[in-house]
Amino acid sequence: MRKMSLIITIMVLMAASIAAEGLAVEALAIKEMYPIGYQVIVDHAEQEWGSDYTMVVHQINKQTKANVECLGIWSSGGIDMQLWSDAYQKWSYEGSLAKNIDLLVAFLDNKTGWAGLLSADVDWEMIAYTYKKELAAKSAY
């Protein structure tokens, strides 16, 4: 139900912000629906880019779009758990691997929804990229 709400919210916000600059539709949806996870993404963007606000917004947009893409991967079913776990661990930010593994285990045990996993300190863009590339390579032979 929460996944469908995210999709509907993205569609509504997309219609409302076609010409707007700033946060992308995905960022606005995640900001509204998953404020804790959104703040994790903002904190990392600010840490990386400081007072270069254009780049902070760009980073937030990239990470939230990738997060929505990762949600789509999970929602589609048939996920290769080993490839996902490898990418998730590889792209955990320094010093946060243990916390991120705990969040993933809680998510897999149905103790948290996507909101719990979204609070992980990870590079969502690189997780999505790595997972798709590895899946394509694994499927190639």
C-alpha atoms as a PDB file:
ATOM      1  CA  MET A   1       0.000   0.000   0.000  1.00  0.00           C
ATOM      2  CA  ARG A   2       2.821   2.388   0.903  1.00  0.00           C
ATOM      3  CA  LYS A   3       4.529   1.671  -2.444  1.00  0.00           C
ATOM      4  CA  MET A   4       1.366   2.559  -4.339  1.00  0.00           C
ATOM      5  CA  SER A   5       1.034   5.738  -2.292  1.00  0.00           C
ATOM      6  CA  LEU A   6       4.596   6.685  -3.255  1.00  0.00           C
ATOM      7  CA  ILE A   7       3.839   6.152  -6.937  1.00  0.00           C
ATOM      8  CA  ILE A   8       0.639   8.204  -6.757  1.00  0.00           C
ATOM      9  CA  THR A   9       2.384  10.968  -4.829  1.00  0.00           C
ATOM     10  CA  ILE A  10       5.166  11.089  -7.420  1.00  0.00           C
ATOM     11  CA  MET A  11       2.638  11.383 -10.230  1.00  0.00           C
ATOM     12  CA  VAL A  12       0.740  14.203  -8.488  1.00  0.00           C
ATOM     13  CA  LEU A  13       3.912  16.079  -7.652  1.00  0.00           C
ATOM     14  CA  MET A  14       5.214  15.589 -11.183  1.00  0.00           C
ATOM     15  CA  ALA A  15       2.149  17.282 -12.572  1.00  0.00           C
ATOM     16  CA  ALA A  16       2.494  20.116 -10.067  1.00  0.00           C
ATOM     17  CA  SER A  17       6.178  20.765 -10.657  1.00  0.00           C
ATOM     18  CA  ILE A  18       6.790  20.260 -14.373  1.00  0.00           C
ATOM     19  CA  ALA A  19       8.386  23.676 -14.822  1.00  0.00           C
ATOM     20  CA  ALA A  20       9.742  24.093 -11.298  1.00  0.00           C
ATOM     21  CA  GLU A  21      13.430  24.097 -10.610  1.00  0.00           C
ATOM     22  CA  GLY A  22      14.924  22.640  -7.494  1.00  0.00           C
ATOM     23  CA  LEU A  23      13.926  19.327  -6.021  1.00  0.00           C
ATOM     24  CA  ALA A  24      12.825  16.594  -8.399  1.00  0.00           C
ATOM     25  CA  VAL A  25       9.449  14.922  -8.056  1.00  0.00           C
ATOM     26  CA  GLU A  26      11.031  11.868  -6.448  1.00  0.00           C
ATOM     27  CA  ALA A  27      12.793  14.051  -3.879  1.00  0.00           C
ATOM     28  CA  LEU A  28       9.569  15.852  -3.017  1.00  0.00           C
ATOM     29  CA  ALA A  29       7.729  12.550  -2.626  1.00  0.00           C
ATOM     30  CA  ILE A  30      10.399  11.013  -0.412  1.00  0.00           C
ATOM     31  CA  LYS A  31      10.650  14.225   1.607  1.00  0.00           C
ATOM     32  CA  GLU A  32       6.919  14.029   2.294  1.00  0.00           C
ATOM     33  CA  MET A  33       6.543  10.273   2.810  1.00  0.00           C
ATOM     34  CA  TYR A  34       9.886   9.273   4.344  1.00  0.00           C
ATOM     35  CA  PRO A  35      11.278  12.354   6.135  1.00  0.00           C
ATOM     36  CA  ILE A  36      13.907  10.455   8.138  1.00  0.00           C
ATOM     37  CA  GLY A  37      15.341   8.761   5.057  1.00  0.00           C
ATOM     38  CA  TYR A  38      15.164  12.038   3.164  1.00  0.00           C
ATOM     39  CA  GLN A  39      17.175  13.733   5.904  1.00  0.00           C
ATOM     40  CA  VAL A  40      19.871  11.030   5.654  1.00  0.00           C
ATOM     41  CA  ILE A  41      20.201  11.828   1.939  1.00  0.00           C
ATOM     42  CA  VAL A  42      20.275  15.591   2.642  1.00  0.00           C
ATOM     43  CA  ASP A  43      22.923  15.177   5.346  1.00  0.00           C
ATOM     44  CA  HIS A  44      25.222  13.279   2.979  1.00  0.00           C
ATOM     45  CA  ALA A  45      24.680  15.810   0.188  1.00  0.00           C
ATOM     46  CA  GLU A  46      25.482  18.706   2.511  1.00  0.00           C
ATOM     47  CA  GLN A  47      28.537  16.910   3.869  1.00  0.00           C
ATOM     48  CA  GLU A  48      29.821  16.332   0.342  1.00  0.00           C
ATOM     49  CA  TRP A  49      28.974  19.725  -1.179  1.00  0.00           C
ATOM     50  CA  GLY A  50      28.851  22.163   1.738  1.00  0.00           C
ATOM     51  CA  SER A  51      27.451  25.529   0.683  1.00  0.00           C
ATOM     52  CA  ASP A  52      27.332  24.684  -3.037  1.00  0.00           C
ATOM     53  CA  TYR A  53      23.540  24.495  -2.887  1.00  0.00           C
ATOM     54  CA  THR A  54      23.096  23.727  -6.566  1.00  0.00           C
ATOM     55  CA  MET A  55      25.182  20.597  -6.115  1.00  0.00           C
ATOM     56  CA  VAL A  56      23.414  19.722  -2.855  1.00  0.00           C
ATOM     57  CA  VAL A  57      20.064  19.779  -4.691  1.00  0.00           C
ATOM     58  CA  HIS A  58      21.570  17.852  -7.613  1.00  0.00           C
ATOM     59  CA  GLN A  59      22.877  15.175  -5.238  1.00  0.00           C
ATOM     60  CA  ILE A  60      19.545  14.950  -3.403  1.00  0.00           C
ATOM     61  CA  ASN A  61      17.749  14.532  -6.733  1.00  0.00           C
ATOM     62  CA  LYS A  62      20.157  11.818  -7.915  1.00  0.00           C
ATOM     63  CA  GLN A  63      19.919   9.865  -4.669  1.00  0.00           C
ATOM     64  CA  THR A  64      16.122  10.065  -4.386  1.00  0.00           C
ATOM     65  CA  LYS A  65      15.620   9.070  -8.031  1.00  0.00           C
ATOM     66  CA  ALA A  66      17.918   6.107  -7.465  1.00  0.00           C
ATOM     67  CA  ASN A  67      16.057   5.229  -4.275  1.00  0.00           C
ATOM     68  CA  VAL A  68      12.764   5.135  -6.171  1.00  0.00           C
ATOM     69  CA  GLU A  69      14.495   2.975  -8.793  1.00  0.00           C
ATOM     70  CA  CYS A  70      15.659   0.588  -6.049  1.00  0.00           C
ATOM     71  CA  LEU A  71      12.110   0.454  -4.696  1.00  0.00           C
ATOM     72  CA  GLY A  72      10.997  -0.505  -8.195  1.00  0.00           C
ATOM     73  CA  ILE A  73      13.577  -3.283  -8.307  1.00  0.00           C
ATOM     74  CA  TRP A  74      12.243  -4.676  -5.023  1.00  0.00           C
ATOM     75  CA  SER A  75       8.619  -4.257  -6.099  1.00  0.00           C
ATOM     76  CA  SER A  76       9.152  -6.116  -9.353  1.00  0.00           C
ATOM     77  CA  GLY A  77       9.929  -9.341  -7.509  1.00  0.00           C
ATOM     78  CA  GLY A  78      12.565 -11.853  -8.471  1.00  0.00           C
ATOM     79  CA  ILE A  79      15.401  -9.842  -6.968  1.00  0.00           C
ATOM     80  CA  ASP A  80      18.797 -11.530  -6.880  1.00  0.00           C
ATOM     81  CA  MET A  81      19.452 -11.196  -3.163  1.00  0.00           C
ATOM     82  CA  GLN A  82      23.169 -11.964  -3.380  1.00  0.00           C
ATOM     83  CA  LEU A  83      23.759  -9.275  -6.004  1.00  0.00           C
ATOM     84  CA  TRP A  84      21.623  -6.785  -4.062  1.00  0.00           C
ATOM     85  CA  SER A  85      23.406  -7.522  -0.792  1.00  0.00           C
ATOM     86  CA  ASP A  86      26.818  -7.198  -2.443  1.00  0.00           C
ATOM     87  CA  ALA A  87      25.940  -3.827  -4.003  1.00  0.00           C
ATOM     88  CA  TYR A  88      24.317  -2.595  -0.783  1.00  0.00           C
ATOM     89  CA  GLN A  89      27.374  -3.471   1.278  1.00  0.00           C
ATOM     90  CA  LYS A  90      29.829  -2.168  -1.315  1.00  0.00           C
ATOM     91  CA  TRP A  91      28.136   1.236  -1.428  1.00  0.00           C
ATOM     92  CA  SER A  92      27.575   1.689   2.304  1.00  0.00           C
ATOM     93  CA  TYR A  93      29.216   4.893   3.482  1.00  0.00           C
ATOM     94  CA  GLU A  94      32.339   4.505   5.567  1.00  0.00           C
ATOM     95  CA  GLY A  95      31.647   3.504   9.145  1.00  0.00           C
ATOM     96  CA  SER A  96      28.003   2.583   8.559  1.00  0.00           C
ATOM     97  CA  LEU A  97      28.145  -1.000   7.282  1.00  0.00           C
ATOM     98  CA  ALA A  98      27.021  -2.647  10.551  1.00  0.00           C
ATOM     99  CA  LYS A  99      24.059  -0.247  10.910  1.00  0.00           C
ATOM    100  CA  ASN A 100      23.130  -0.752   7.262  1.00  0.00           C
ATOM    101  CA  ILE A 101      23.225  -4.527   7.547  1.00  0.00           C
ATOM    102  CA  ASP A 102      20.948  -4.327  10.605  1.00  0.00           C
ATOM    103  CA  LEU A 103      18.522  -2.161   8.607  1.00  0.00           C
ATOM    104  CA  LEU A 104      18.569  -4.609   5.697  1.00  0.00           C
ATOM    105  CA  VAL A 105      17.961  -7.601   7.976  1.00  0.00           C
ATOM    106  CA  ALA A 106      15.062  -5.802   9.679  1.00  0.00           C
ATOM    107  CA  PHE A 107      13.608  -4.966   6.270  1.00  0.00           C
ATOM    108  CA  LEU A 108      13.954  -8.562   5.062  1.00  0.00           C
ATOM    109  CA  ASP A 109      12.364  -9.844   8.282  1.00  0.00           C
ATOM    110  CA  ASN A 110       9.396  -7.526   7.601  1.00  0.00           C
ATOM    111  CA  LYS A 111      10.112  -5.553  10.763  1.00  0.00           C
ATOM    112  CA  THR A 112      10.383  -2.305   8.827  1.00  0.00           C
ATOM    113  CA  GLY A 113       9.056  -1.148   5.526  1.00  0.00           C
ATOM    114  CA  TRP A 114      10.919   0.771   2.881  1.00  0.00           C
ATOM    115  CA  ALA A 115      11.095   3.708   5.312  1.00  0.00           C
ATOM    116  CA  GLY A 116      13.429   1.703   7.542  1.00  0.00           C
ATOM    117  CA  LEU A 117      15.708   0.749   4.690  1.00  0.00           C
ATOM    118  CA  LEU A 118      15.698   4.305   3.345  1.00  0.00           C
ATOM    119  CA  SER A 119      17.431   5.464   6.523  1.00  0.00           C
ATOM    120  CA  ALA A 120      20.544   3.473   5.553  1.00  0.00           C
ATOM    121  CA  ASP A 121      23.750   5.423   4.957  1.00  0.00           C
ATOM    122  CA  VAL A 122      24.312   4.249   1.393  1.00  0.00           C
ATOM    123  CA  ASP A 123      24.852   5.600  -2.097  1.00  0.00           C
ATOM    124  CA  TRP A 124      21.532   4.635  -3.707  1.00  0.00           C
ATOM    125  CA  GLU A 125      22.652   5.689  -7.161  1.00  0.00           C
ATOM    126  CA  MET A 126      25.630   3.343  -7.093  1.00  0.00           C
ATOM    127  CA  ILE A 127      23.598   0.496  -5.590  1.00  0.00           C
ATOM    128  CA  ALA A 128      21.093   0.702  -8.462  1.00  0.00           C
ATOM    129  CA  TYR A 129      23.868   1.001 -11.052  1.00  0.00           C
ATOM    130  CA  THR A 130      25.945  -1.857  -9.634  1.00  0.00           C
ATOM    131  CA  TYR A 131      22.949  -4.157  -9.177  1.00  0.00           C
ATOM    132  CA  LYS A 132      21.726  -3.642 -12.759  1.00  0.00           C
ATOM    133  CA  LYS A 133      25.208  -4.078 -14.259  1.00  0.00           C
ATOM    134  CA  GLU A 134      25.935  -7.214 -12.251  1.00  0.00           C
ATOM    135  CA  LEU A 135      22.521  -8.697 -13.018  1.00  0.00           C
ATOM    136  CA  ALA A 136      23.030  -8.057 -16.731  1.00  0.00           C
ATOM    137  CA  ALA A 137      26.486  -9.623 -16.618  1.00  0.00           C
ATOM    138  CA  LYS A 138      25.241 -12.638 -14.665  1.00  0.00           C
ATOM    139  CA  SER A 139      22.413 -13.114 -17.139  1.00  0.00           C
ATOM    140  CA  ALA A 140      24.737 -12.848 -20.138  1.00  0.00           C
ATOM    141  CA  TYR A 141      26.124 -16.354 -19.841  1.00  0.00           C
END
